[in-house]
Amino acid sequence: MDLSLYHLIRQPKVQQESYPLLVLVHGYGSNEEDLFGFADQLPNEYLIISVRAPYTLPGYGFAWYAINFDADMNKFTDDTQAVQSRDLIARFIDEVVSNYPVDKNRVTLIGFSQGAMLSYAVALNFPEKVQRVAALSGYLHTPILPENGKRNGADALDFFISHGTVDQVIPVEWARKAPEYLNGLDIKNEYHEYPVGHGVAPQNFYDLLKWLSK
């Protein structure tokens, strides 16, 4: 089936008329196989789709948008590409809903790092397409969020946020701003920290599963 993003699929392990959808969104320099590695440990009732970002990096890596450095090694994100990827994921969700027996009112995004930043942006810009987001080791990148704060329907969103306290890629201080932002918009969220670097600790995964099964 030709959808706008290359992807891997894990079919639901239980029979239902329609299935909740879980979309896995990898980080910078990774690919669709990364998060798909734990798909079999995720709840049986979900149709799980792991997507590949559109921009190719050297080696077998992909990115949702470019990260560039200047002469002083200051980091800049290509926000034009970021917005395009945000809208591409939103369109991809529509395509999946049209082509698979999924419940469009039960769509969850799980994003890691750059994938978490895109997942925040997709949900906050298109709350009618997504109900829940697990943002792992990411942060809120304001240039790709709604300009005037809350969109209609954003009140119903639900976020699981987690971060490592010794993350050497994205400082934990950046992640801590997300619950403040969401609380300011009266959007439901739960926030967790773990004594790890830029990755998902076993306890983090356990807490994520607990949140998913609520």
N, C-alpha and C. Protein backbone atom coordinates (compact mmCIF):
# COMPACT_ATOMS: atom_id res chain seq x y z
N MET A 1 0.86 -1.20 0.00
CA MET A 1 0.00 0.00 0.00
C MET A 1 0.89 1.24 0.00
N ASP A 2 0.63 2.18 -0.93
CA ASP A 2 1.47 3.37 -1.07
C ASP A 2 1.00 4.51 -0.19
N LEU A 3 1.64 4.70 0.94
CA LEU A 3 1.34 5.85 1.78
C LEU A 3 2.53 6.81 1.70
N SER A 4 2.35 8.03 2.20
CA SER A 4 3.35 9.07 1.96
C SER A 4 4.65 8.89 2.76
N LEU A 5 4.66 8.02 3.76
CA LEU A 5 5.89 7.73 4.50
C LEU A 5 6.17 6.23 4.48
N TYR A 6 7.42 5.87 4.27
CA TYR A 6 7.80 4.46 4.36
C TYR A 6 7.61 4.01 5.81
N HIS A 7 7.14 2.78 6.03
CA HIS A 7 6.79 2.37 7.39
C HIS A 7 6.82 0.85 7.54
N LEU A 8 6.90 0.43 8.79
CA LEU A 8 6.76 -0.98 9.17
C LEU A 8 5.47 -1.11 9.97
N ILE A 9 4.86 -2.31 9.90
CA ILE A 9 3.57 -2.52 10.58
C ILE A 9 3.60 -3.76 11.47
N ARG A 10 3.06 -3.61 12.68
CA ARG A 10 2.74 -4.79 13.49
C ARG A 10 1.23 -4.85 13.61
N GLN A 11 0.66 -5.92 13.07
CA GLN A 11 -0.79 -6.07 13.11
C GLN A 11 -1.26 -6.31 14.55
N PRO A 12 -2.50 -5.95 14.87
CA PRO A 12 -3.04 -6.24 16.20
C PRO A 12 -3.07 -7.75 16.44
N LYS A 13 -2.92 -8.13 17.70
CA LYS A 13 -2.89 -9.55 18.03
C LYS A 13 -4.25 -10.04 18.53
N VAL A 14 -5.21 -9.13 18.56
CA VAL A 14 -6.58 -9.52 18.94
C VAL A 14 -7.52 -9.02 17.85
N GLN A 15 -8.61 -9.75 17.64
CA GLN A 15 -9.57 -9.39 16.59
C GLN A 15 -10.60 -8.39 17.11
N GLN A 16 -10.73 -7.28 16.42
CA GLN A 16 -11.77 -6.29 16.73
C GLN A 16 -12.23 -5.69 15.41
N GLU A 17 -13.37 -4.98 15.47
CA GLU A 17 -13.85 -4.33 14.25
C GLU A 17 -12.94 -3.18 13.85
N SER A 18 -12.49 -2.40 14.84
CA SER A 18 -11.54 -1.33 14.57
C SER A 18 -10.51 -1.30 15.70
N TYR A 19 -9.33 -0.80 15.37
CA TYR A 19 -8.20 -0.90 16.30
C TYR A 19 -7.67 0.48 16.70
N PRO A 20 -7.20 0.60 17.94
CA PRO A 20 -6.46 1.81 18.26
C PRO A 20 -5.14 1.82 17.48
N LEU A 21 -4.70 3.00 17.11
CA LEU A 21 -3.49 3.15 16.29
C LEU A 21 -2.36 3.73 17.12
N LEU A 22 -1.18 3.14 16.95
CA LEU A 22 0.02 3.63 17.62
C LEU A 22 1.06 3.91 16.54
N VAL A 23 1.50 5.17 16.42
CA VAL A 23 2.50 5.54 15.43
C VAL A 23 3.82 5.85 16.14
N LEU A 24 4.88 5.15 15.73
CA LEU A 24 6.20 5.31 16.34
C LEU A 24 7.03 6.24 15.46
N VAL A 25 7.61 7.29 16.09
CA VAL A 25 8.32 8.34 15.35
C VAL A 25 9.76 8.41 15.87
N HIS A 26 10.72 7.95 15.07
CA HIS A 26 12.11 7.84 15.52
C HIS A 26 12.82 9.19 15.60
N GLY A 27 14.02 9.16 16.14
CA GLY A 27 14.82 10.37 16.31
C GLY A 27 15.78 10.63 15.16
N TYR A 28 16.52 11.72 15.28
CA TYR A 28 17.49 12.16 14.26
C TYR A 28 18.59 11.12 14.07
N GLY A 29 18.83 10.77 12.81
CA GLY A 29 19.92 9.84 12.50
C GLY A 29 19.56 8.37 12.67
N SER A 30 18.30 8.11 13.00
CA SER A 30 17.86 6.72 13.20
C SER A 30 16.98 6.31 12.03
N ASN A 31 16.18 5.27 12.21
CA ASN A 31 15.26 4.83 11.16
C ASN A 31 14.06 4.12 11.78
N GLU A 32 13.18 3.64 10.91
CA GLU A 32 11.91 3.05 11.36
C GLU A 32 12.10 1.76 12.15
N GLU A 33 13.28 1.13 12.06
CA GLU A 33 13.49 -0.14 12.77
C GLU A 33 13.82 0.08 14.26
N ASP A 34 14.23 1.29 14.59
CA ASP A 34 14.69 1.59 15.95
C ASP A 34 13.60 1.33 16.99
N LEU A 35 12.55 2.13 16.98
CA LEU A 35 11.47 1.97 17.96
C LEU A 35 10.65 0.71 17.70
N PHE A 36 10.65 0.25 16.44
CA PHE A 36 9.89 -0.97 16.09
C PHE A 36 10.43 -2.17 16.86
N GLY A 37 11.66 -2.06 17.36
CA GLY A 37 12.27 -3.14 18.12
C GLY A 37 11.48 -3.52 19.36
N PHE A 38 10.72 -2.56 19.93
CA PHE A 38 9.93 -2.94 21.11
C PHE A 38 8.43 -3.03 20.80
N ALA A 39 8.06 -3.09 19.51
CA ALA A 39 6.64 -3.17 19.13
C ALA A 39 5.96 -4.39 19.73
N ASP A 40 6.68 -5.52 19.78
CA ASP A 40 6.06 -6.75 20.29
C ASP A 40 5.74 -6.70 21.78
N GLN A 41 6.35 -5.75 22.48
CA GLN A 41 6.07 -5.62 23.91
C GLN A 41 4.94 -4.63 24.18
N LEU A 42 4.45 -4.00 23.13
CA LEU A 42 3.37 -3.02 23.30
C LEU A 42 2.02 -3.74 23.29
N PRO A 43 0.97 -3.09 23.81
CA PRO A 43 -0.32 -3.78 23.98
C PRO A 43 -0.84 -4.43 22.69
N ASN A 44 -1.45 -5.62 22.86
CA ASN A 44 -1.86 -6.46 21.74
C ASN A 44 -2.93 -5.85 20.84
N GLU A 45 -3.77 -4.97 21.43
CA GLU A 45 -4.92 -4.49 20.64
C GLU A 45 -4.56 -3.42 19.61
N TYR A 46 -3.34 -2.87 19.69
CA TYR A 46 -2.96 -1.78 18.78
C TYR A 46 -2.51 -2.26 17.41
N LEU A 47 -2.89 -1.49 16.37
CA LEU A 47 -2.19 -1.54 15.10
C LEU A 47 -1.00 -0.59 15.27
N ILE A 48 0.21 -1.11 15.10
CA ILE A 48 1.42 -0.31 15.35
C ILE A 48 2.14 -0.05 14.03
N ILE A 49 2.40 1.22 13.77
CA ILE A 49 3.10 1.61 12.54
C ILE A 49 4.32 2.45 12.93
N SER A 50 5.48 2.03 12.44
CA SER A 50 6.72 2.77 12.69
C SER A 50 7.14 3.45 11.39
N VAL A 51 7.26 4.78 11.43
CA VAL A 51 7.50 5.55 10.20
C VAL A 51 8.97 5.94 10.05
N ARG A 52 9.37 6.11 8.79
CA ARG A 52 10.73 6.57 8.48
C ARG A 52 10.68 8.05 8.08
N ALA A 53 11.59 8.84 8.65
CA ALA A 53 11.67 10.26 8.31
C ALA A 53 12.08 10.45 6.85
N PRO A 54 11.73 11.59 6.24
CA PRO A 54 11.92 11.77 4.80
C PRO A 54 13.32 12.17 4.35
N TYR A 55 14.16 12.69 5.26
CA TYR A 55 15.47 13.20 4.83
C TYR A 55 16.58 12.20 5.14
N THR A 56 17.38 11.90 4.12
CA THR A 56 18.43 10.89 4.27
C THR A 56 19.70 11.52 4.81
N LEU A 57 20.34 10.82 5.75
CA LEU A 57 21.63 11.24 6.30
C LEU A 57 22.68 10.22 5.85
N PRO A 58 23.96 10.57 5.93
CA PRO A 58 25.01 9.61 5.58
C PRO A 58 24.88 8.33 6.42
N GLY A 59 25.16 7.18 5.80
CA GLY A 59 24.92 5.92 6.50
C GLY A 59 23.45 5.58 6.37
N TYR A 60 22.96 4.67 7.20
CA TYR A 60 21.55 4.30 7.10
C TYR A 60 20.74 5.06 8.14
N GLY A 61 20.80 6.39 8.04
CA GLY A 61 20.07 7.22 8.99
C GLY A 61 19.16 8.20 8.29
N PHE A 62 18.13 8.66 9.01
CA PHE A 62 17.16 9.58 8.45
C PHE A 62 16.84 10.66 9.47
N ALA A 63 16.33 11.79 8.98
CA ALA A 63 15.99 12.91 9.87
C ALA A 63 14.66 13.52 9.44
N TRP A 64 13.95 14.08 10.42
CA TRP A 64 12.71 14.79 10.13
C TRP A 64 13.01 16.21 9.66
N TYR A 65 14.14 16.74 10.10
CA TYR A 65 14.62 18.04 9.61
C TYR A 65 16.10 18.15 9.92
N ALA A 66 16.76 19.01 9.16
CA ALA A 66 18.21 19.16 9.29
C ALA A 66 18.57 19.92 10.56
N ILE A 67 19.72 19.55 11.12
CA ILE A 67 20.32 20.31 12.22
C ILE A 67 21.67 20.79 11.72
N ASN A 68 21.85 22.10 11.67
CA ASN A 68 23.08 22.68 11.13
C ASN A 68 23.86 23.40 12.21
N PHE A 69 25.17 23.50 12.02
CA PHE A 69 26.04 24.20 12.98
C PHE A 69 26.74 25.36 12.28
N ASP A 70 26.94 26.48 13.01
CA ASP A 70 27.72 27.57 12.45
C ASP A 70 29.19 27.42 12.89
N ALA A 71 30.00 28.42 12.56
CA ALA A 71 31.44 28.34 12.83
C ALA A 71 31.75 28.19 14.32
N ASP A 72 30.85 28.71 15.17
CA ASP A 72 31.06 28.61 16.62
C ASP A 72 30.37 27.38 17.22
N MET A 73 29.92 26.48 16.34
CA MET A 73 29.24 25.25 16.75
C MET A 73 27.90 25.51 17.45
N ASN A 74 27.27 26.65 17.14
CA ASN A 74 25.90 26.86 17.57
C ASN A 74 24.99 26.04 16.66
N LYS A 75 23.94 25.49 17.25
CA LYS A 75 23.09 24.55 16.52
C LYS A 75 21.83 25.26 16.02
N PHE A 76 21.49 25.04 14.77
CA PHE A 76 20.27 25.62 14.19
C PHE A 76 19.42 24.52 13.56
N THR A 77 18.11 24.60 13.80
CA THR A 77 17.22 23.62 13.18
C THR A 77 16.61 24.23 11.93
N ASP A 78 16.38 23.41 10.94
CA ASP A 78 15.72 23.84 9.71
C ASP A 78 14.22 23.79 9.95
N ASP A 79 13.66 24.93 10.37
CA ASP A 79 12.25 24.94 10.77
C ASP A 79 11.29 24.78 9.60
N THR A 80 11.73 25.14 8.40
CA THR A 80 10.89 24.92 7.22
C THR A 80 10.69 23.42 7.02
N GLN A 81 11.80 22.66 7.09
CA GLN A 81 11.69 21.20 6.99
C GLN A 81 10.87 20.63 8.15
N ALA A 82 11.04 21.20 9.34
CA ALA A 82 10.32 20.70 10.52
C ALA A 82 8.81 20.85 10.34
N VAL A 83 8.39 21.99 9.82
CA VAL A 83 6.96 22.22 9.57
C VAL A 83 6.45 21.25 8.50
N GLN A 84 7.25 21.05 7.44
CA GLN A 84 6.85 20.12 6.38
C GLN A 84 6.69 18.70 6.94
N SER A 85 7.62 18.28 7.81
CA SER A 85 7.53 16.94 8.40
C SER A 85 6.35 16.83 9.35
N ARG A 86 6.11 17.88 10.11
CA ARG A 86 4.94 17.91 11.00
C ARG A 86 3.66 17.66 10.20
N ASP A 87 3.51 18.40 9.10
CA ASP A 87 2.30 18.28 8.28
C ASP A 87 2.25 16.95 7.53
N LEU A 88 3.43 16.42 7.20
CA LEU A 88 3.51 15.11 6.54
C LEU A 88 3.02 14.00 7.47
N ILE A 89 3.40 14.05 8.73
CA ILE A 89 2.93 13.05 9.70
C ILE A 89 1.41 13.16 9.88
N ALA A 90 0.91 14.39 9.95
CA ALA A 90 -0.54 14.60 10.09
C ALA A 90 -1.27 13.99 8.90
N ARG A 91 -0.74 14.20 7.68
CA ARG A 91 -1.35 13.64 6.48
C ARG A 91 -1.26 12.12 6.48
N PHE A 92 -0.13 11.61 6.94
CA PHE A 92 0.06 10.16 7.01
C PHE A 92 -0.98 9.51 7.94
N ILE A 93 -1.28 10.16 9.05
CA ILE A 93 -2.31 9.64 9.97
C ILE A 93 -3.65 9.54 9.23
N ASP A 94 -3.99 10.57 8.46
CA ASP A 94 -5.24 10.53 7.67
C ASP A 94 -5.24 9.36 6.70
N GLU A 95 -4.08 9.13 6.06
CA GLU A 95 -3.97 8.02 5.09
C GLU A 95 -4.17 6.67 5.77
N VAL A 96 -3.59 6.52 6.95
CA VAL A 96 -3.74 5.25 7.69
C VAL A 96 -5.20 5.04 8.08
N VAL A 97 -5.82 6.11 8.57
CA VAL A 97 -7.23 6.02 8.97
C VAL A 97 -8.11 5.64 7.77
N SER A 98 -7.76 6.12 6.58
CA SER A 98 -8.53 5.82 5.38
C SER A 98 -8.30 4.40 4.86
N ASN A 99 -7.10 3.86 5.13
CA ASN A 99 -6.72 2.58 4.51
C ASN A 99 -6.73 1.37 5.44
N TYR A 100 -6.82 1.61 6.74
CA TYR A 100 -6.80 0.50 7.71
C TYR A 100 -8.00 0.61 8.65
N PRO A 101 -8.43 -0.51 9.23
CA PRO A 101 -9.59 -0.47 10.13
C PRO A 101 -9.20 0.07 11.52
N VAL A 102 -8.81 1.34 11.56
CA VAL A 102 -8.42 1.92 12.85
C VAL A 102 -9.49 2.90 13.34
N ASP A 103 -9.52 3.06 14.65
CA ASP A 103 -10.44 3.99 15.30
C ASP A 103 -9.77 5.36 15.31
N LYS A 104 -10.29 6.31 14.52
CA LYS A 104 -9.64 7.62 14.41
C LYS A 104 -9.70 8.41 15.71
N ASN A 105 -10.50 7.95 16.66
CA ASN A 105 -10.57 8.61 17.97
C ASN A 105 -9.64 7.98 19.00
N ARG A 106 -8.81 7.04 18.53
CA ARG A 106 -7.86 6.40 19.44
C ARG A 106 -6.49 6.31 18.77
N VAL A 107 -5.90 7.48 18.52
CA VAL A 107 -4.60 7.56 17.86
C VAL A 107 -3.56 8.07 18.86
N THR A 108 -2.48 7.31 19.01
CA THR A 108 -1.40 7.67 19.93
C THR A 108 -0.09 7.77 19.15
N LEU A 109 0.69 8.80 19.44
CA LEU A 109 2.04 8.94 18.88
C LEU A 109 3.05 8.65 19.97
N ILE A 110 4.08 7.85 19.65
CA ILE A 110 5.22 7.69 20.55
C ILE A 110 6.45 8.20 19.80
N GLY A 111 7.03 9.29 20.27
CA GLY A 111 8.18 9.87 19.59
C GLY A 111 9.39 9.90 20.49
N PHE A 112 10.56 9.65 19.89
CA PHE A 112 11.81 9.72 20.64
C PHE A 112 12.67 10.86 20.09
N SER A 113 13.17 11.74 20.97
CA SER A 113 14.08 12.82 20.62
C SER A 113 13.46 13.73 19.55
N GLN A 114 14.05 13.82 18.36
CA GLN A 114 13.46 14.65 17.31
C GLN A 114 12.04 14.18 17.00
N GLY A 115 11.81 12.88 17.09
CA GLY A 115 10.47 12.34 16.89
C GLY A 115 9.49 12.79 17.95
N ALA A 116 9.98 13.01 19.18
CA ALA A 116 9.12 13.52 20.25
C ALA A 116 8.73 14.97 19.96
N MET A 117 9.69 15.75 19.45
CA MET A 117 9.41 17.15 19.14
C MET A 117 8.35 17.26 18.05
N LEU A 118 8.45 16.38 17.05
CA LEU A 118 7.45 16.35 15.98
C LEU A 118 6.10 15.88 16.53
N SER A 119 6.12 14.91 17.44
CA SER A 119 4.87 14.38 18.00
C SER A 119 4.12 15.45 18.80
N TYR A 120 4.85 16.21 19.62
CA TYR A 120 4.25 17.36 20.31
C TYR A 120 3.56 18.27 19.29
N ALA A 121 4.30 18.62 18.23
CA ALA A 121 3.81 19.60 17.26
C ALA A 121 2.60 19.09 16.49
N VAL A 122 2.61 17.81 16.12
CA VAL A 122 1.47 17.24 15.39
C VAL A 122 0.22 17.31 16.27
N ALA A 123 0.34 16.87 17.52
CA ALA A 123 -0.82 16.82 18.41
C ALA A 123 -1.36 18.23 18.72
N LEU A 124 -0.46 19.17 18.99
CA LEU A 124 -0.91 20.51 19.39
C LEU A 124 -1.45 21.31 18.20
N ASN A 125 -0.96 21.01 16.99
CA ASN A 125 -1.49 21.68 15.80
C ASN A 125 -2.72 20.99 15.23
N PHE A 126 -2.81 19.67 15.41
CA PHE A 126 -3.92 18.89 14.83
C PHE A 126 -4.56 18.00 15.91
N PRO A 127 -5.11 18.61 16.98
CA PRO A 127 -5.64 17.78 18.07
C PRO A 127 -6.83 16.92 17.66
N GLU A 128 -7.40 17.21 16.48
CA GLU A 128 -8.51 16.38 15.99
C GLU A 128 -8.00 15.05 15.42
N LYS A 129 -6.69 14.95 15.16
CA LYS A 129 -6.13 13.73 14.55
C LYS A 129 -5.46 12.81 15.57
N VAL A 130 -5.12 13.34 16.74
CA VAL A 130 -4.32 12.60 17.73
C VAL A 130 -4.96 12.79 19.10
N GLN A 131 -4.98 11.74 19.90
CA GLN A 131 -5.52 11.87 21.25
C GLN A 131 -4.44 11.85 22.33
N ARG A 132 -3.39 11.03 22.08
CA ARG A 132 -2.36 10.87 23.12
C ARG A 132 -0.96 10.89 22.51
N VAL A 133 -0.02 11.39 23.29
CA VAL A 133 1.38 11.47 22.85
C VAL A 133 2.29 11.03 23.98
N ALA A 134 3.22 10.13 23.65
CA ALA A 134 4.33 9.84 24.57
C ALA A 134 5.57 10.50 23.97
N ALA A 135 6.08 11.51 24.67
CA ALA A 135 7.25 12.27 24.21
C ALA A 135 8.46 11.83 25.03
N LEU A 136 9.33 11.02 24.42
CA LEU A 136 10.48 10.46 25.12
C LEU A 136 11.74 11.23 24.73
N SER A 137 12.43 11.78 25.70
CA SER A 137 13.72 12.45 25.49
C SER A 137 13.65 13.54 24.42
N GLY A 138 12.59 14.34 24.47
CA GLY A 138 12.46 15.45 23.52
C GLY A 138 12.16 16.75 24.24
N TYR A 139 11.74 17.76 23.49
CA TYR A 139 11.31 19.01 24.10
C TYR A 139 10.35 19.72 23.15
N LEU A 140 9.68 20.75 23.65
CA LEU A 140 8.74 21.53 22.85
C LEU A 140 9.53 22.53 22.01
N HIS A 141 9.49 22.36 20.69
CA HIS A 141 10.19 23.27 19.78
C HIS A 141 9.17 24.31 19.31
N THR A 142 9.22 25.49 19.94
CA THR A 142 8.14 26.48 19.77
C THR A 142 7.90 26.94 18.33
N PRO A 143 8.92 27.02 17.44
CA PRO A 143 8.63 27.50 16.08
C PRO A 143 7.66 26.61 15.29
N ILE A 144 7.45 25.36 15.74
CA ILE A 144 6.53 24.50 14.98
C ILE A 144 5.24 24.21 15.77
N LEU A 145 5.03 24.97 16.85
CA LEU A 145 3.80 24.85 17.64
C LEU A 145 2.79 25.89 17.16
N PRO A 146 1.51 25.76 17.54
CA PRO A 146 0.52 26.77 17.13
C PRO A 146 0.95 28.16 17.61
N GLU A 147 0.79 29.15 16.76
CA GLU A 147 1.27 30.50 17.08
C GLU A 147 0.52 31.11 18.25
N ASN A 148 -0.77 30.86 18.31
CA ASN A 148 -1.57 31.54 19.33
C ASN A 148 -2.01 30.59 20.44
N GLY A 149 -1.14 29.65 20.79
CA GLY A 149 -1.46 28.77 21.92
C GLY A 149 -2.38 27.63 21.55
N LYS A 150 -3.50 27.52 22.26
CA LYS A 150 -4.29 26.30 22.19
C LYS A 150 -5.24 26.27 21.00
N ARG A 151 -5.27 25.12 20.33
CA ARG A 151 -6.23 24.88 19.26
C ARG A 151 -7.50 24.26 19.84
N ASN A 152 -8.61 24.42 19.16
CA ASN A 152 -9.85 23.77 19.59
C ASN A 152 -9.65 22.26 19.64
N GLY A 153 -10.02 21.66 20.74
CA GLY A 153 -9.88 20.21 20.88
C GLY A 153 -8.63 19.81 21.64
N ALA A 154 -7.71 20.75 21.84
CA ALA A 154 -6.46 20.42 22.54
C ALA A 154 -6.69 20.03 24.00
N ASP A 155 -7.81 20.48 24.57
CA ASP A 155 -8.14 20.15 25.97
C ASP A 155 -8.21 18.65 26.19
N ALA A 156 -8.54 17.91 25.13
CA ALA A 156 -8.74 16.46 25.27
C ALA A 156 -7.44 15.67 25.15
N LEU A 157 -6.33 16.34 24.80
CA LEU A 157 -5.06 15.64 24.63
C LEU A 157 -4.53 15.12 25.96
N ASP A 158 -3.67 14.11 25.86
CA ASP A 158 -3.06 13.50 27.05
C ASP A 158 -1.61 13.16 26.70
N PHE A 159 -0.67 13.65 27.53
CA PHE A 159 0.76 13.48 27.25
C PHE A 159 1.47 12.67 28.33
N PHE A 160 2.35 11.79 27.89
CA PHE A 160 3.31 11.12 28.76
C PHE A 160 4.68 11.66 28.36
N ILE A 161 5.39 12.26 29.31
CA ILE A 161 6.69 12.89 29.01
C ILE A 161 7.75 12.25 29.88
N SER A 162 8.86 11.87 29.27
CA SER A 162 9.95 11.29 30.06
C SER A 162 11.29 11.79 29.56
N HIS A 163 12.27 11.83 30.48
CA HIS A 163 13.60 12.35 30.14
C HIS A 163 14.64 11.81 31.11
N GLY A 164 15.85 11.69 30.60
CA GLY A 164 16.97 11.29 31.46
C GLY A 164 17.61 12.51 32.12
N THR A 165 17.91 12.40 33.38
CA THR A 165 18.47 13.55 34.11
C THR A 165 19.90 13.87 33.68
N VAL A 166 20.59 12.91 33.06
CA VAL A 166 21.95 13.17 32.58
C VAL A 166 22.01 13.06 31.05
N ASP A 167 20.92 13.48 30.40
CA ASP A 167 20.86 13.46 28.94
C ASP A 167 21.90 14.46 28.39
N GLN A 168 22.83 13.94 27.58
CA GLN A 168 23.90 14.77 27.05
C GLN A 168 23.55 15.38 25.69
N VAL A 169 22.40 14.99 25.13
CA VAL A 169 21.97 15.50 23.82
C VAL A 169 20.96 16.63 23.98
N ILE A 170 19.93 16.38 24.79
CA ILE A 170 18.90 17.39 25.08
C ILE A 170 18.85 17.58 26.59
N PRO A 171 19.28 18.75 27.09
CA PRO A 171 19.32 18.96 28.54
C PRO A 171 17.94 18.76 29.18
N VAL A 172 17.95 18.16 30.36
CA VAL A 172 16.68 17.87 31.05
C VAL A 172 15.91 19.15 31.34
N GLU A 173 16.62 20.27 31.50
CA GLU A 173 15.95 21.55 31.76
C GLU A 173 15.00 21.92 30.62
N TRP A 174 15.38 21.56 29.39
CA TRP A 174 14.51 21.84 28.24
C TRP A 174 13.23 21.02 28.34
N ALA A 175 13.38 19.76 28.74
CA ALA A 175 12.21 18.87 28.83
C ALA A 175 11.24 19.34 29.91
N ARG A 176 11.78 19.90 31.00
CA ARG A 176 10.94 20.32 32.13
C ARG A 176 10.00 21.46 31.78
N LYS A 177 10.28 22.15 30.67
CA LYS A 177 9.41 23.26 30.26
C LYS A 177 8.09 22.76 29.69
N ALA A 178 8.07 21.50 29.22
CA ALA A 178 6.86 20.97 28.56
C ALA A 178 5.67 20.88 29.52
N PRO A 179 5.84 20.26 30.72
CA PRO A 179 4.66 20.21 31.60
C PRO A 179 4.17 21.61 32.00
N GLU A 180 5.09 22.55 32.18
CA GLU A 180 4.67 23.93 32.51
C GLU A 180 3.80 24.49 31.39
N TYR A 181 4.27 24.30 30.15
CA TYR A 181 3.54 24.81 28.98
C TYR A 181 2.16 24.17 28.89
N LEU A 182 2.12 22.84 29.03
CA LEU A 182 0.85 22.11 28.91
C LEU A 182 -0.10 22.44 30.06
N ASN A 183 0.44 22.57 31.27
CA ASN A 183 -0.40 22.94 32.41
C ASN A 183 -1.02 24.31 32.19
N GLY A 184 -0.24 25.21 31.57
CA GLY A 184 -0.75 26.55 31.28
C GLY A 184 -1.92 26.53 30.31
N LEU A 185 -2.01 25.48 29.51
CA LEU A 185 -3.11 25.33 28.56
C LEU A 185 -4.18 24.35 29.06
N ASP A 186 -4.03 23.92 30.33
CA ASP A 186 -4.96 22.95 30.92
C ASP A 186 -5.02 21.65 30.13
N ILE A 187 -3.85 21.19 29.67
CA ILE A 187 -3.77 19.94 28.92
C ILE A 187 -3.17 18.87 29.83
N LYS A 188 -3.82 17.72 29.88
CA LYS A 188 -3.42 16.64 30.78
C LYS A 188 -2.04 16.10 30.41
N ASN A 189 -1.19 15.91 31.42
CA ASN A 189 0.13 15.35 31.16
C ASN A 189 0.69 14.73 32.42
N GLU A 190 1.60 13.76 32.24
CA GLU A 190 2.37 13.25 33.37
C GLU A 190 3.84 13.24 32.97
N TYR A 191 4.69 13.62 33.92
CA TYR A 191 6.11 13.83 33.62
C TYR A 191 6.98 12.93 34.49
N HIS A 192 7.96 12.30 33.87
CA HIS A 192 8.86 11.38 34.59
C HIS A 192 10.32 11.69 34.23
N GLU A 193 11.19 11.55 35.24
CA GLU A 193 12.64 11.63 35.00
C GLU A 193 13.30 10.36 35.50
N TYR A 194 14.39 9.99 34.81
CA TYR A 194 15.13 8.78 35.17
C TYR A 194 16.63 9.09 35.15
N PRO A 195 17.42 8.42 35.99
CA PRO A 195 18.86 8.71 36.08
C PRO A 195 19.65 8.10 34.93
N VAL A 196 19.30 8.49 33.69
CA VAL A 196 19.96 7.94 32.50
C VAL A 196 20.30 9.07 31.54
N GLY A 197 21.00 8.73 30.45
CA GLY A 197 21.32 9.68 29.39
C GLY A 197 20.21 9.78 28.36
N HIS A 198 20.60 9.87 27.09
CA HIS A 198 19.65 10.05 26.00
C HIS A 198 19.15 8.68 25.54
N GLY A 199 18.17 8.16 26.27
CA GLY A 199 17.66 6.83 25.96
C GLY A 199 16.47 6.51 26.84
N VAL A 200 15.94 5.30 26.67
CA VAL A 200 14.75 4.87 27.41
C VAL A 200 15.16 3.78 28.39
N ALA A 201 15.11 4.11 29.68
CA ALA A 201 15.46 3.14 30.73
C ALA A 201 14.35 2.09 30.87
N PRO A 202 14.67 0.89 31.40
CA PRO A 202 13.64 -0.14 31.61
C PRO A 202 12.45 0.38 32.43
N GLN A 203 12.72 1.14 33.49
CA GLN A 203 11.62 1.69 34.30
C GLN A 203 10.78 2.66 33.50
N ASN A 204 11.43 3.43 32.63
CA ASN A 204 10.73 4.36 31.75
C ASN A 204 9.76 3.58 30.85
N PHE A 205 10.23 2.49 30.26
CA PHE A 205 9.39 1.68 29.38
C PHE A 205 8.21 1.08 30.14
N TYR A 206 8.48 0.63 31.37
CA TYR A 206 7.43 0.07 32.22
C TYR A 206 6.36 1.13 32.51
N ASP A 207 6.79 2.35 32.84
CA ASP A 207 5.84 3.44 33.13
C ASP A 207 5.05 3.82 31.88
N LEU A 208 5.71 3.77 30.72
CA LEU A 208 5.04 4.05 29.45
C LEU A 208 3.93 3.01 29.20
N LEU A 209 4.24 1.74 29.42
CA LEU A 209 3.25 0.68 29.22
C LEU A 209 2.05 0.87 30.15
N LYS A 210 2.35 1.28 31.38
CA LYS A 210 1.28 1.50 32.36
C LYS A 210 0.35 2.63 31.89
N TRP A 211 0.98 3.70 31.37
CA TRP A 211 0.21 4.84 30.85
C TRP A 211 -0.61 4.42 29.62
N LEU A 212 -0.01 3.64 28.73
CA LEU A 212 -0.72 3.19 27.52
C LEU A 212 -1.95 2.36 27.85
N SER A 213 -1.86 1.59 28.92
CA SER A 213 -2.96 0.67 29.23
C SER A 213 -4.07 1.35 30.04
N LYS A 214 -3.90 2.63 30.35
CA LYS A 214 -4.96 3.33 31.11
C LYS A 214 -6.21 3.49 30.26
